[in-house]
Amino acid sequence: MKKSLLILFVLFTVKSGFAQTATMPASETILKDAYAKAAKDNKKVMLIFHASWCGWCKKMEASLNDPMVKKMFDDNYVTAKLDVMEQPAKKDLENPGSLEVMTKLKGEKSGLPFWVVLDAKGKVLGDSQVRPAGASLDTYGENVGCPASKEEVAFFTKLLKATSKLNDGQLAIIANRFAQNQPAPAPKPAAPVSPATVGSK
């Protein structure tokens, strides 16, 4: 009997251990680690909210990880990501508490990706929302998401300049990389051919 109980206990413990490793880390843990690293390395935190279904989130990640600019970001920011707003079938990808953090940062209405730049103590220095001149960060604005248009890229690089040691040359390289996210213009339809001109020369 004791042997059976011991086996059940061991199985339960092993199963519990696997269940814990399968769950995503809580948003609090991710933020705590990011703030500690930022304080140690004298950097800011770039917190990005994303989801597996979000195409623009993938573009944001690809842009930040492009070898052309990755070191520039790594030298100035600790990048942290929180998975949020997943579809029901993929809810297990979400970091527990991520929606609450996003709501606290006034990003729950913005769409994805939503990003925030914070100092090592968690003070918000800026985010991906364009607001009217003079409006506070507590005001909801228009989310640029992954910068792509000329105006979005200018907004992004202005915030980077204010929160990092990036110089104008580096900011120009970053602007050039993010401008590549702009979708190519749709081709103009061919002019219709008049039946009278077909085959005539």
N, C-alpha and C. Protein backbone atom coordinates (compact mmCIF):
# COMPACT_ATOMS: atom_id res chain seq x y z
N MET A 1 0.83 -1.20 0.00
CA MET A 1 0.00 0.00 0.00
C MET A 1 0.87 1.26 0.00
N LYS A 2 1.90 1.26 0.89
CA LYS A 2 2.79 2.42 0.95
C LYS A 2 3.51 2.62 -0.38
N LYS A 3 3.88 1.47 -0.99
CA LYS A 3 4.58 1.52 -2.27
C LYS A 3 3.69 2.15 -3.33
N SER A 4 2.41 1.79 -3.34
CA SER A 4 1.46 2.34 -4.32
C SER A 4 1.30 3.83 -4.13
N LEU A 5 1.19 4.27 -2.88
CA LEU A 5 1.05 5.70 -2.60
C LEU A 5 2.30 6.46 -3.03
N LEU A 6 3.46 5.88 -2.79
CA LEU A 6 4.71 6.51 -3.20
C LEU A 6 4.77 6.66 -4.72
N ILE A 7 4.38 5.62 -5.44
CA ILE A 7 4.38 5.67 -6.92
C ILE A 7 3.42 6.74 -7.40
N LEU A 8 2.22 6.80 -6.80
CA LEU A 8 1.24 7.82 -7.18
C LEU A 8 1.79 9.22 -6.91
N PHE A 9 2.45 9.40 -5.77
CA PHE A 9 3.02 10.69 -5.42
C PHE A 9 4.09 11.11 -6.43
N VAL A 10 4.96 10.16 -6.79
CA VAL A 10 6.02 10.45 -7.76
C VAL A 10 5.41 10.82 -9.11
N LEU A 11 4.42 10.06 -9.56
CA LEU A 11 3.77 10.35 -10.84
C LEU A 11 3.10 11.72 -10.83
N PHE A 12 2.42 12.04 -9.73
CA PHE A 12 1.77 13.34 -9.60
C PHE A 12 2.79 14.47 -9.65
N THR A 13 3.90 14.30 -8.94
CA THR A 13 4.95 15.32 -8.91
C THR A 13 5.55 15.53 -10.30
N VAL A 14 5.84 14.44 -10.98
CA VAL A 14 6.42 14.53 -12.33
C VAL A 14 5.43 15.21 -13.27
N LYS A 15 4.16 14.80 -13.20
CA LYS A 15 3.14 15.38 -14.07
C LYS A 15 2.98 16.87 -13.78
N SER A 16 2.99 17.23 -12.49
CA SER A 16 2.87 18.65 -12.12
C SER A 16 4.04 19.45 -12.65
N GLY A 17 5.22 18.87 -12.58
CA GLY A 17 6.42 19.54 -13.09
C GLY A 17 6.32 19.81 -14.57
N PHE A 18 5.82 18.81 -15.34
CA PHE A 18 5.66 19.00 -16.78
C PHE A 18 4.61 20.06 -17.07
N ALA A 19 3.53 20.06 -16.29
CA ALA A 19 2.47 21.04 -16.50
C ALA A 19 3.00 22.45 -16.27
N GLN A 20 3.85 22.62 -15.27
CA GLN A 20 4.38 23.95 -14.98
C GLN A 20 5.32 24.42 -16.07
N THR A 21 6.12 23.53 -16.63
CA THR A 21 7.05 23.96 -17.68
C THR A 21 6.31 24.26 -18.98
N ALA A 22 5.12 23.71 -19.16
CA ALA A 22 4.37 23.93 -20.40
C ALA A 22 3.68 25.29 -20.40
N THR A 23 3.41 25.85 -19.22
CA THR A 23 2.72 27.14 -19.17
C THR A 23 3.70 28.28 -19.44
N MET A 24 3.17 29.35 -20.01
CA MET A 24 4.01 30.51 -20.31
C MET A 24 4.32 31.27 -19.02
N PRO A 25 5.50 31.91 -18.95
CA PRO A 25 5.82 32.68 -17.74
C PRO A 25 4.85 33.85 -17.58
N ALA A 26 4.54 34.18 -16.35
CA ALA A 26 3.63 35.28 -16.06
C ALA A 26 4.24 36.60 -16.49
N SER A 27 3.38 37.54 -16.84
CA SER A 27 3.85 38.85 -17.28
C SER A 27 4.70 39.53 -16.19
N GLU A 28 4.35 39.32 -14.92
CA GLU A 28 5.11 39.92 -13.81
C GLU A 28 6.56 39.45 -13.83
N THR A 29 6.76 38.16 -14.08
CA THR A 29 8.12 37.60 -14.11
C THR A 29 8.92 38.20 -15.25
N ILE A 30 8.31 38.28 -16.41
CA ILE A 30 8.99 38.83 -17.60
C ILE A 30 9.38 40.29 -17.36
N LEU A 31 8.45 41.07 -16.81
CA LEU A 31 8.73 42.48 -16.55
C LEU A 31 9.80 42.66 -15.48
N LYS A 32 9.72 41.88 -14.42
CA LYS A 32 10.70 41.97 -13.34
C LYS A 32 12.11 41.69 -13.87
N ASP A 33 12.23 40.66 -14.70
CA ASP A 33 13.53 40.32 -15.29
C ASP A 33 14.03 41.43 -16.22
N ALA A 34 13.10 42.00 -17.00
CA ALA A 34 13.48 43.06 -17.94
C ALA A 34 13.95 44.31 -17.19
N TYR A 35 13.23 44.70 -16.14
CA TYR A 35 13.62 45.87 -15.36
C TYR A 35 14.97 45.67 -14.68
N ALA A 36 15.20 44.48 -14.16
CA ALA A 36 16.47 44.18 -13.49
C ALA A 36 17.63 44.28 -14.48
N LYS A 37 17.44 43.72 -15.67
CA LYS A 37 18.50 43.76 -16.69
C LYS A 37 18.73 45.20 -17.17
N ALA A 38 17.63 45.95 -17.35
CA ALA A 38 17.76 47.34 -17.79
C ALA A 38 18.51 48.18 -16.76
N ALA A 39 18.22 47.97 -15.47
CA ALA A 39 18.91 48.71 -14.41
C ALA A 39 20.39 48.35 -14.39
N LYS A 40 20.69 47.07 -14.53
CA LYS A 40 22.08 46.60 -14.49
C LYS A 40 22.89 47.13 -15.67
N ASP A 41 22.27 47.16 -16.87
CA ASP A 41 22.98 47.54 -18.09
C ASP A 41 22.76 49.00 -18.50
N ASN A 42 22.03 49.77 -17.68
CA ASN A 42 21.74 51.17 -17.98
C ASN A 42 21.03 51.32 -19.33
N LYS A 43 19.95 50.57 -19.49
CA LYS A 43 19.15 50.60 -20.72
C LYS A 43 17.70 50.90 -20.39
N LYS A 44 16.91 51.09 -21.44
CA LYS A 44 15.47 51.22 -21.30
C LYS A 44 14.84 49.86 -21.67
N VAL A 45 13.57 49.71 -21.34
CA VAL A 45 12.83 48.49 -21.69
C VAL A 45 11.89 48.80 -22.84
N MET A 46 11.92 47.98 -23.88
CA MET A 46 10.93 48.08 -24.94
C MET A 46 10.01 46.86 -24.78
N LEU A 47 8.80 47.12 -24.33
CA LEU A 47 7.83 46.06 -24.08
C LEU A 47 6.87 45.98 -25.26
N ILE A 48 6.80 44.80 -25.86
CA ILE A 48 5.97 44.61 -27.06
C ILE A 48 4.88 43.59 -26.78
N PHE A 49 3.64 43.98 -27.03
CA PHE A 49 2.50 43.07 -26.92
C PHE A 49 2.21 42.52 -28.31
N HIS A 50 2.11 41.20 -28.41
CA HIS A 50 1.91 40.58 -29.72
C HIS A 50 1.07 39.32 -29.59
N ALA A 51 0.72 38.73 -30.73
CA ALA A 51 -0.03 37.47 -30.76
C ALA A 51 0.41 36.67 -31.98
N SER A 52 0.21 35.36 -31.92
CA SER A 52 0.68 34.47 -32.99
C SER A 52 -0.03 34.71 -34.32
N TRP A 53 -1.26 35.23 -34.29
CA TRP A 53 -2.03 35.43 -35.51
C TRP A 53 -1.72 36.76 -36.19
N CYS A 54 -0.95 37.62 -35.53
CA CYS A 54 -0.76 39.00 -35.96
C CYS A 54 0.39 39.14 -36.96
N GLY A 55 0.06 39.40 -38.21
CA GLY A 55 1.07 39.55 -39.25
C GLY A 55 1.99 40.74 -39.02
N TRP A 56 1.44 41.87 -38.56
CA TRP A 56 2.26 43.06 -38.31
C TRP A 56 3.18 42.84 -37.12
N CYS A 57 2.77 41.97 -36.18
CA CYS A 57 3.66 41.63 -35.05
C CYS A 57 4.90 40.90 -35.57
N LYS A 58 4.69 40.01 -36.53
CA LYS A 58 5.81 39.28 -37.13
C LYS A 58 6.74 40.24 -37.86
N LYS A 59 6.16 41.26 -38.54
CA LYS A 59 6.99 42.25 -39.23
C LYS A 59 7.80 43.07 -38.22
N MET A 60 7.18 43.40 -37.09
CA MET A 60 7.88 44.16 -36.04
C MET A 60 9.07 43.35 -35.53
N GLU A 61 8.83 42.08 -35.25
CA GLU A 61 9.89 41.21 -34.73
C GLU A 61 11.01 41.05 -35.75
N ALA A 62 10.63 40.85 -37.02
CA ALA A 62 11.64 40.70 -38.08
C ALA A 62 12.47 41.97 -38.22
N SER A 63 11.83 43.11 -38.10
CA SER A 63 12.54 44.40 -38.23
C SER A 63 13.54 44.59 -37.08
N LEU A 64 13.09 44.33 -35.85
CA LEU A 64 13.97 44.50 -34.69
C LEU A 64 15.14 43.52 -34.71
N ASN A 65 14.92 42.35 -35.30
CA ASN A 65 15.96 41.31 -35.33
C ASN A 65 16.80 41.32 -36.60
N ASP A 66 16.52 42.25 -37.50
CA ASP A 66 17.31 42.36 -38.72
C ASP A 66 18.76 42.69 -38.32
N PRO A 67 19.74 41.93 -38.83
CA PRO A 67 21.14 42.19 -38.48
C PRO A 67 21.58 43.63 -38.72
N MET A 68 20.89 44.33 -39.63
CA MET A 68 21.22 45.72 -39.93
C MET A 68 21.01 46.62 -38.70
N VAL A 69 20.01 46.27 -37.84
CA VAL A 69 19.67 47.17 -36.73
C VAL A 69 19.67 46.48 -35.35
N LYS A 70 19.75 45.17 -35.32
CA LYS A 70 19.59 44.43 -34.05
C LYS A 70 20.55 44.92 -32.96
N LYS A 71 21.81 45.09 -33.29
CA LYS A 71 22.79 45.52 -32.27
C LYS A 71 22.45 46.90 -31.73
N MET A 72 21.94 47.76 -32.58
CA MET A 72 21.57 49.12 -32.14
C MET A 72 20.48 49.05 -31.07
N PHE A 73 19.48 48.19 -31.31
CA PHE A 73 18.42 48.03 -30.32
C PHE A 73 18.95 47.34 -29.06
N ASP A 74 19.73 46.28 -29.26
CA ASP A 74 20.27 45.52 -28.11
C ASP A 74 21.17 46.38 -27.22
N ASP A 75 21.87 47.34 -27.82
CA ASP A 75 22.76 48.21 -27.05
C ASP A 75 22.00 49.25 -26.22
N ASN A 76 20.75 49.49 -26.57
CA ASN A 76 19.99 50.56 -25.92
C ASN A 76 18.74 50.11 -25.18
N TYR A 77 18.22 48.93 -25.56
CA TYR A 77 16.95 48.48 -24.97
C TYR A 77 17.02 47.01 -24.55
N VAL A 78 16.29 46.71 -23.50
CA VAL A 78 16.00 45.32 -23.15
C VAL A 78 14.61 45.07 -23.74
N THR A 79 14.53 44.20 -24.73
CA THR A 79 13.25 43.93 -25.37
C THR A 79 12.54 42.80 -24.64
N ALA A 80 11.30 43.07 -24.26
CA ALA A 80 10.47 42.06 -23.59
C ALA A 80 9.17 41.93 -24.37
N LYS A 81 8.67 40.71 -24.49
CA LYS A 81 7.44 40.47 -25.24
C LYS A 81 6.40 39.80 -24.36
N LEU A 82 5.17 40.24 -24.51
CA LEU A 82 4.05 39.61 -23.83
C LEU A 82 3.02 39.18 -24.87
N ASP A 83 2.67 37.92 -24.83
CA ASP A 83 1.67 37.37 -25.74
C ASP A 83 0.29 37.64 -25.16
N VAL A 84 -0.60 38.19 -25.99
CA VAL A 84 -1.91 38.62 -25.51
C VAL A 84 -2.94 38.46 -26.62
N MET A 85 -4.21 38.40 -26.27
CA MET A 85 -5.32 38.40 -27.23
C MET A 85 -5.25 37.25 -28.24
N GLU A 86 -4.83 36.10 -27.78
CA GLU A 86 -4.77 34.93 -28.67
C GLU A 86 -6.18 34.40 -28.97
N GLN A 87 -6.31 33.67 -30.06
CA GLN A 87 -7.56 33.00 -30.38
C GLN A 87 -7.77 31.86 -29.38
N PRO A 88 -9.04 31.45 -29.16
CA PRO A 88 -9.32 30.43 -28.15
C PRO A 88 -8.45 29.17 -28.24
N ALA A 89 -8.17 28.70 -29.44
CA ALA A 89 -7.38 27.47 -29.61
C ALA A 89 -5.92 27.64 -29.18
N LYS A 90 -5.46 28.89 -29.08
CA LYS A 90 -4.05 29.12 -28.73
C LYS A 90 -3.91 29.95 -27.46
N LYS A 91 -4.92 29.94 -26.60
CA LYS A 91 -4.87 30.71 -25.35
C LYS A 91 -3.68 30.33 -24.48
N ASP A 92 -3.19 29.08 -24.64
CA ASP A 92 -2.06 28.63 -23.82
C ASP A 92 -0.77 29.38 -24.16
N LEU A 93 -0.75 30.11 -25.28
CA LEU A 93 0.44 30.90 -25.64
C LEU A 93 0.52 32.22 -24.87
N GLU A 94 -0.61 32.65 -24.32
CA GLU A 94 -0.64 33.93 -23.61
C GLU A 94 0.15 33.88 -22.31
N ASN A 95 0.80 34.99 -21.99
CA ASN A 95 1.45 35.14 -20.69
C ASN A 95 0.38 35.56 -19.69
N PRO A 96 0.18 34.81 -18.62
CA PRO A 96 -0.83 35.19 -17.64
C PRO A 96 -0.63 36.62 -17.15
N GLY A 97 -1.72 37.38 -17.16
CA GLY A 97 -1.67 38.77 -16.69
C GLY A 97 -1.30 39.78 -17.77
N SER A 98 -1.05 39.32 -18.99
CA SER A 98 -0.60 40.25 -20.03
C SER A 98 -1.67 41.28 -20.42
N LEU A 99 -2.93 40.85 -20.48
CA LEU A 99 -3.99 41.80 -20.85
C LEU A 99 -4.16 42.86 -19.77
N GLU A 100 -3.99 42.46 -18.50
CA GLU A 100 -4.09 43.43 -17.41
C GLU A 100 -2.98 44.48 -17.51
N VAL A 101 -1.77 44.03 -17.85
CA VAL A 101 -0.65 44.96 -18.02
C VAL A 101 -0.93 45.90 -19.19
N MET A 102 -1.42 45.34 -20.29
CA MET A 102 -1.73 46.13 -21.48
C MET A 102 -2.80 47.18 -21.16
N THR A 103 -3.81 46.80 -20.39
CA THR A 103 -4.88 47.72 -20.00
C THR A 103 -4.33 48.83 -19.11
N LYS A 104 -3.48 48.47 -18.18
CA LYS A 104 -2.87 49.46 -17.28
C LYS A 104 -2.06 50.49 -18.08
N LEU A 105 -1.47 50.04 -19.20
CA LEU A 105 -0.65 50.92 -20.03
C LEU A 105 -1.46 51.61 -21.13
N LYS A 106 -2.79 51.53 -21.05
CA LYS A 106 -3.71 52.18 -22.00
C LYS A 106 -3.58 51.65 -23.42
N GLY A 107 -3.29 50.34 -23.54
CA GLY A 107 -3.11 49.78 -24.87
C GLY A 107 -4.16 48.78 -25.29
N GLU A 108 -5.13 48.50 -24.43
CA GLU A 108 -6.09 47.42 -24.73
C GLU A 108 -7.01 47.74 -25.91
N LYS A 109 -7.13 49.02 -26.29
CA LYS A 109 -7.99 49.40 -27.42
C LYS A 109 -7.19 49.60 -28.70
N SER A 110 -5.88 49.44 -28.61
CA SER A 110 -5.01 49.90 -29.70
C SER A 110 -4.79 48.92 -30.84
N GLY A 111 -5.01 47.63 -30.62
CA GLY A 111 -4.64 46.64 -31.63
C GLY A 111 -3.19 46.22 -31.42
N LEU A 112 -2.75 45.30 -32.26
CA LEU A 112 -1.40 44.74 -32.11
C LEU A 112 -0.58 44.95 -33.38
N PRO A 113 0.74 45.06 -33.25
CA PRO A 113 1.48 45.12 -32.00
C PRO A 113 1.28 46.47 -31.30
N PHE A 114 1.32 46.43 -29.99
CA PHE A 114 1.33 47.62 -29.17
C PHE A 114 2.63 47.58 -28.39
N TRP A 115 3.38 48.67 -28.40
CA TRP A 115 4.66 48.68 -27.70
C TRP A 115 4.80 49.92 -26.81
N VAL A 116 5.60 49.74 -25.77
CA VAL A 116 5.82 50.78 -24.78
C VAL A 116 7.31 50.83 -24.44
N VAL A 117 7.85 52.03 -24.28
CA VAL A 117 9.21 52.20 -23.80
C VAL A 117 9.13 52.67 -22.35
N LEU A 118 9.82 51.95 -21.47
CA LEU A 118 9.79 52.26 -20.04
C LEU A 118 11.22 52.37 -19.51
N ASP A 119 11.36 53.07 -18.39
CA ASP A 119 12.67 53.07 -17.75
C ASP A 119 12.79 51.85 -16.84
N ALA A 120 13.92 51.69 -16.19
CA ALA A 120 14.18 50.49 -15.39
C ALA A 120 13.30 50.39 -14.15
N LYS A 121 12.58 51.48 -13.83
CA LYS A 121 11.66 51.45 -12.68
C LYS A 121 10.21 51.28 -13.12
N GLY A 122 10.01 51.14 -14.43
CA GLY A 122 8.65 50.92 -14.93
C GLY A 122 7.91 52.18 -15.32
N LYS A 123 8.58 53.32 -15.33
CA LYS A 123 7.92 54.58 -15.74
C LYS A 123 7.80 54.60 -17.26
N VAL A 124 6.60 54.91 -17.75
CA VAL A 124 6.36 54.96 -19.20
C VAL A 124 6.99 56.22 -19.78
N LEU A 125 7.85 56.03 -20.78
CA LEU A 125 8.51 57.15 -21.46
C LEU A 125 7.85 57.46 -22.79
N GLY A 126 7.12 56.51 -23.32
CA GLY A 126 6.43 56.69 -24.60
C GLY A 126 5.86 55.36 -25.05
N ASP A 127 4.96 55.42 -26.03
CA ASP A 127 4.39 54.18 -26.56
C ASP A 127 4.05 54.35 -28.03
N SER A 128 3.37 53.37 -28.59
CA SER A 128 3.10 53.36 -30.03
C SER A 128 1.85 54.14 -30.42
N GLN A 129 1.31 54.95 -29.52
CA GLN A 129 0.11 55.72 -29.84
C GLN A 129 0.45 57.17 -30.14
N VAL A 130 -0.02 57.64 -31.29
CA VAL A 130 0.13 59.04 -31.66
C VAL A 130 -1.04 59.80 -31.04
N ARG A 131 -0.72 60.83 -30.27
CA ARG A 131 -1.75 61.61 -29.59
C ARG A 131 -1.71 63.06 -30.07
N PRO A 132 -2.80 63.79 -29.84
CA PRO A 132 -2.77 65.22 -30.18
C PRO A 132 -1.67 65.92 -29.39
N ALA A 133 -1.14 66.98 -29.93
CA ALA A 133 -0.07 67.74 -29.25
C ALA A 133 -0.52 68.14 -27.86
N GLY A 134 0.35 67.91 -26.87
CA GLY A 134 0.07 68.28 -25.49
C GLY A 134 -0.72 67.25 -24.69
N ALA A 135 -1.23 66.20 -25.35
CA ALA A 135 -2.01 65.18 -24.64
C ALA A 135 -1.07 64.31 -23.80
N SER A 136 -1.53 63.88 -22.64
CA SER A 136 -0.70 63.05 -21.77
C SER A 136 -0.73 61.60 -22.23
N LEU A 137 0.19 60.81 -21.67
CA LEU A 137 0.26 59.39 -22.00
C LEU A 137 -0.94 58.61 -21.46
N ASP A 138 -1.75 59.25 -20.62
CA ASP A 138 -2.97 58.61 -20.13
C ASP A 138 -4.11 58.71 -21.14
N THR A 139 -3.89 59.48 -22.19
CA THR A 139 -4.90 59.66 -23.23
C THR A 139 -4.74 58.57 -24.28
N TYR A 140 -5.84 58.04 -24.77
CA TYR A 140 -5.76 57.06 -25.85
C TYR A 140 -5.44 57.79 -27.15
N GLY A 141 -4.62 57.14 -27.97
CA GLY A 141 -4.26 57.73 -29.25
C GLY A 141 -4.42 56.73 -30.37
N GLU A 142 -3.83 57.04 -31.52
CA GLU A 142 -3.88 56.18 -32.70
C GLU A 142 -2.62 55.32 -32.73
N ASN A 143 -2.79 54.02 -32.70
CA ASN A 143 -1.64 53.10 -32.63
C ASN A 143 -0.94 52.98 -33.98
N VAL A 144 0.38 53.17 -34.00
CA VAL A 144 1.13 52.98 -35.25
C VAL A 144 1.50 51.51 -35.45
N GLY A 145 1.43 50.71 -34.37
CA GLY A 145 1.78 49.29 -34.49
C GLY A 145 3.22 49.13 -34.94
N CYS A 146 3.42 48.35 -35.99
CA CYS A 146 4.75 48.22 -36.58
C CYS A 146 4.95 49.39 -37.54
N PRO A 147 5.86 50.31 -37.26
CA PRO A 147 6.04 51.47 -38.13
C PRO A 147 6.36 51.07 -39.56
N ALA A 148 5.70 51.74 -40.51
CA ALA A 148 5.93 51.43 -41.92
C ALA A 148 5.85 52.70 -42.78
N SER A 149 4.79 53.48 -42.61
CA SER A 149 4.65 54.69 -43.42
C SER A 149 5.69 55.73 -42.98
N LYS A 150 5.89 56.73 -43.80
CA LYS A 150 6.86 57.79 -43.51
C LYS A 150 6.56 58.45 -42.16
N GLU A 151 5.27 58.72 -41.91
CA GLU A 151 4.87 59.38 -40.67
C GLU A 151 5.08 58.47 -39.46
N GLU A 152 4.74 57.19 -39.61
CA GLU A 152 4.91 56.23 -38.51
C GLU A 152 6.38 56.04 -38.16
N VAL A 153 7.21 55.94 -39.18
CA VAL A 153 8.65 55.76 -38.95
C VAL A 153 9.25 56.99 -38.29
N ALA A 154 8.80 58.18 -38.72
CA ALA A 154 9.29 59.43 -38.11
C ALA A 154 8.90 59.49 -36.63
N PHE A 155 7.68 59.07 -36.32
CA PHE A 155 7.20 59.04 -34.93
C PHE A 155 8.06 58.08 -34.10
N PHE A 156 8.32 56.91 -34.66
CA PHE A 156 9.10 55.87 -33.97
C PHE A 156 10.53 56.35 -33.70
N THR A 157 11.19 56.88 -34.72
CA THR A 157 12.58 57.30 -34.55
C THR A 157 12.71 58.50 -33.61
N LYS A 158 11.70 59.34 -33.58
CA LYS A 158 11.71 60.48 -32.65
C LYS A 158 11.68 59.96 -31.20
N LEU A 159 10.86 58.94 -30.95
CA LEU A 159 10.79 58.36 -29.61
C LEU A 159 12.09 57.63 -29.27
N LEU A 160 12.67 56.93 -30.25
CA LEU A 160 13.95 56.26 -30.02
C LEU A 160 15.03 57.28 -29.65
N LYS A 161 15.04 58.40 -30.36
CA LYS A 161 16.06 59.44 -30.09
C LYS A 161 15.92 59.97 -28.67
N ALA A 162 14.67 60.10 -28.20
CA ALA A 162 14.42 60.65 -26.87
C ALA A 162 14.70 59.66 -25.74
N THR A 163 14.77 58.36 -26.07
CA THR A 163 14.90 57.35 -25.01
C THR A 163 16.14 56.47 -25.13
N SER A 164 17.10 56.88 -25.97
CA SER A 164 18.28 56.04 -26.19
C SER A 164 19.50 56.90 -26.45
N LYS A 165 20.62 56.23 -26.70
CA LYS A 165 21.86 56.92 -27.08
C LYS A 165 22.11 56.80 -28.57
N LEU A 166 21.10 56.40 -29.33
CA LEU A 166 21.25 56.25 -30.78
C LEU A 166 21.53 57.61 -31.41
N ASN A 167 22.52 57.63 -32.33
CA ASN A 167 22.83 58.89 -33.01
C ASN A 167 22.01 59.01 -34.30
N ASP A 168 22.12 60.16 -34.95
CA ASP A 168 21.30 60.42 -36.14
C ASP A 168 21.58 59.43 -37.27
N GLY A 169 22.84 59.02 -37.41
CA GLY A 169 23.18 58.05 -38.45
C GLY A 169 22.52 56.71 -38.19
N GLN A 170 22.55 56.28 -36.95
CA GLN A 170 21.91 55.00 -36.59
C GLN A 170 20.40 55.09 -36.75
N LEU A 171 19.83 56.22 -36.35
CA LEU A 171 18.38 56.40 -36.49
C LEU A 171 17.96 56.38 -37.96
N ALA A 172 18.82 56.90 -38.82
CA ALA A 172 18.52 56.88 -40.27
C ALA A 172 18.51 55.45 -40.79
N ILE A 173 19.43 54.63 -40.31
CA ILE A 173 19.47 53.21 -40.72
C ILE A 173 18.21 52.49 -40.23
N ILE A 174 17.81 52.76 -38.99
CA ILE A 174 16.60 52.16 -38.44
C ILE A 174 15.38 52.61 -39.23
N ALA A 175 15.33 53.91 -39.56
CA ALA A 175 14.20 54.44 -40.34
C ALA A 175 14.12 53.75 -41.69
N ASN A 176 15.27 53.55 -42.32
CA ASN A 176 15.31 52.89 -43.62
C ASN A 176 14.80 51.45 -43.52
N ARG A 177 15.20 50.76 -42.46
CA ARG A 177 14.76 49.37 -42.29
C ARG A 177 13.25 49.28 -42.08
N PHE A 178 12.72 50.14 -41.22
CA PHE A 178 11.28 50.08 -40.94
C PHE A 178 10.45 50.56 -42.14
N ALA A 179 11.01 51.44 -42.96
CA ALA A 179 10.29 51.89 -44.16
C ALA A 179 10.05 50.73 -45.12
N GLN A 180 10.88 49.69 -45.02
CA GLN A 180 10.69 48.51 -45.88
C GLN A 180 9.41 47.74 -45.53
N ASN A 181 8.80 48.05 -44.39
CA ASN A 181 7.55 47.39 -44.01
C ASN A 181 6.35 47.94 -44.76
N GLN A 182 6.53 49.09 -45.42
CA GLN A 182 5.44 49.70 -46.17
C GLN A 182 5.05 48.80 -47.33
N PRO A 183 3.79 48.39 -47.40
CA PRO A 183 3.38 47.53 -48.52
C PRO A 183 3.61 48.24 -49.86
N ALA A 184 4.01 47.47 -50.85
CA ALA A 184 4.22 48.04 -52.18
C ALA A 184 2.87 48.51 -52.74
N PRO A 185 2.87 49.62 -53.45
CA PRO A 185 1.59 50.09 -54.02
C PRO A 185 1.03 49.07 -55.00
N ALA A 186 -0.27 48.95 -55.01
CA ALA A 186 -0.92 48.01 -55.93
C ALA A 186 -0.67 48.46 -57.36
N PRO A 187 -0.41 47.50 -58.26
CA PRO A 187 -0.18 47.90 -59.65
C PRO A 187 -1.43 48.52 -60.25
N LYS A 188 -1.21 49.53 -61.09
CA LYS A 188 -2.34 50.18 -61.75
C LYS A 188 -2.91 49.22 -62.80
N PRO A 189 -4.23 49.17 -62.88
CA PRO A 189 -4.82 48.29 -63.90
C PRO A 189 -4.46 48.78 -65.30
N ALA A 190 -4.28 47.84 -66.20
CA ALA A 190 -3.95 48.20 -67.58
C ALA A 190 -5.12 48.94 -68.21
N ALA A 191 -4.77 49.87 -69.09
CA ALA A 191 -5.83 50.62 -69.78
C ALA A 191 -6.64 49.66 -70.63
N PRO A 192 -7.95 49.82 -70.61
CA PRO A 192 -8.78 48.91 -71.42
C PRO A 192 -8.47 49.08 -72.90
N VAL A 193 -8.51 47.98 -73.61
CA VAL A 193 -8.22 48.00 -75.05
C VAL A 193 -9.53 48.12 -75.79
N SER A 194 -9.58 49.10 -76.67
CA SER A 194 -10.78 49.31 -77.47
C SER A 194 -10.86 48.24 -78.55
N PRO A 195 -12.03 47.63 -78.77
CA PRO A 195 -12.16 46.60 -79.83
C PRO A 195 -11.74 47.12 -81.20
N ALA A 196 -11.91 48.41 -81.43
CA ALA A 196 -11.59 48.97 -82.75
C ALA A 196 -10.10 48.95 -83.02
N THR A 197 -9.27 48.97 -81.92
CA THR A 197 -7.82 49.03 -82.12
C THR A 197 -7.18 47.65 -82.15
N VAL A 198 -7.91 46.60 -81.77
CA VAL A 198 -7.34 45.27 -81.73
C VAL A 198 -7.02 44.80 -83.15
N GLY A 199 -5.80 44.44 -83.38
CA GLY A 199 -5.38 43.89 -84.67
C GLY A 199 -5.18 44.93 -85.76
N SER A 200 -5.39 46.21 -85.48
CA SER A 200 -5.20 47.23 -86.52
C SER A 200 -3.79 47.78 -86.45
N LYS A 201 -3.20 48.06 -87.59
CA LYS A 201 -1.86 48.66 -87.66
C LYS A 201 -1.75 49.51 -88.86
